[in-house]
Amino acid sequence: MCDLRIGIDRLLCVGFEDCVAAAPAVFRMDEGGIVTFTDDAATFEDRDRLIDACRVCPVDALSATDADGRTLAP
């Protein structure tokens, strides 16, 4: 996943699916309606799209940090 670390707070996720719409190659909803990673997420290379997908979460359940630990989203 580029040079990013993506975090999912499954307790915050309420299933809006905005992240799935923004980056369907990375995020999917599990059987409980909570976001999780797709099987292909580790090979996704569009850094900007991934950050945007984390930013669109209305409840800040997703986070993105760079290799230096700086928070890029939310």
Protein backbone atom coordinates (compact mmCIF):
# COMPACT_ATOMS: atom_id res chain seq x y z
CA MET A 1 0.00 0.00 0.00
CA CYS A 2 2.40 2.66 -1.19
CA ASP A 3 4.32 4.18 1.68
CA LEU A 4 1.18 4.51 3.81
CA ARG A 5 -0.14 2.75 6.85
CA ILE A 6 -3.92 2.52 6.78
CA GLY A 7 -5.86 1.93 9.96
CA ILE A 8 -9.45 0.80 10.35
CA ASP A 9 -11.30 1.43 13.60
CA ARG A 10 -13.97 -1.22 13.30
CA LEU A 11 -15.75 0.10 16.38
CA LEU A 12 -16.33 3.47 14.70
CA CYS A 13 -17.38 2.17 11.29
CA VAL A 14 -21.13 2.35 10.72
CA GLY A 15 -21.15 1.21 7.11
CA PHE A 16 -21.65 4.33 5.01
CA GLU A 17 -19.43 2.73 2.32
CA ASP A 18 -17.95 6.05 1.14
CA CYS A 19 -14.48 4.48 1.36
CA VAL A 20 -15.61 1.53 -0.76
CA ALA A 21 -16.93 3.92 -3.40
CA ALA A 22 -13.66 5.88 -3.35
CA ALA A 23 -11.28 2.89 -3.43
CA PRO A 24 -13.08 -0.39 -4.17
CA ALA A 25 -9.76 -2.12 -4.87
CA VAL A 26 -8.79 -1.54 -1.22
CA PHE A 27 -11.96 -1.53 0.89
CA ARG A 28 -15.01 -3.76 1.06
CA MET A 29 -17.75 -4.36 3.59
CA ASP A 30 -17.74 -7.60 5.55
CA GLU A 31 -20.80 -9.69 6.34
CA GLY A 32 -21.51 -7.47 9.36
CA GLY A 33 -21.51 -4.26 7.30
CA ILE A 34 -18.14 -3.10 8.64
CA VAL A 35 -15.25 -2.00 6.43
CA THR A 36 -12.32 -4.32 5.90
CA PHE A 37 -9.51 -4.66 3.38
CA THR A 38 -9.86 -6.49 0.08
CA ASP A 39 -7.50 -9.32 -0.77
CA ASP A 40 -5.74 -7.00 -3.26
CA ALA A 41 -5.31 -4.03 -0.90
CA ALA A 42 -1.60 -4.60 -0.27
CA THR A 43 -0.75 -4.06 -3.94
CA PHE A 44 -2.72 -0.82 -4.37
CA GLU A 45 -0.40 2.01 -5.39
CA ASP A 46 -2.59 5.13 -5.87
CA ARG A 47 -1.48 7.05 -2.78
CA ASP A 48 -3.70 10.11 -3.32
CA ARG A 49 -6.80 8.01 -3.91
CA LEU A 50 -6.13 6.02 -0.77
CA ILE A 51 -5.74 9.15 1.35
CA ASP A 52 -8.94 10.57 -0.13
CA ALA A 53 -10.78 7.33 0.63
CA CYS A 54 -9.74 7.69 4.28
CA ARG A 55 -10.77 11.33 4.37
CA VAL A 56 -14.30 10.72 3.07
CA CYS A 57 -15.27 8.56 6.03
CA PRO A 58 -17.92 10.60 7.85
CA VAL A 59 -17.10 9.03 11.23
CA ASP A 60 -13.28 9.02 10.89
CA ALA A 61 -13.06 5.22 11.11
CA LEU A 62 -10.12 5.24 8.68
CA SER A 63 -6.70 6.74 9.17
CA ALA A 64 -3.67 7.16 6.94
CA THR A 65 -0.15 7.84 8.14
CA ASP A 66 3.01 8.18 6.11
CA ALA A 67 6.31 6.37 6.59
CA ASP A 68 7.42 9.04 9.09
CA GLY A 69 4.29 8.59 11.20
CA ARG A 70 2.63 11.83 10.13
CA THR A 71 -1.16 11.68 10.04
CA LEU A 72 -2.51 12.38 6.55
CA ALA A 73 -6.15 11.48 7.19
CA PRO A 74 -8.54 12.09 8.78
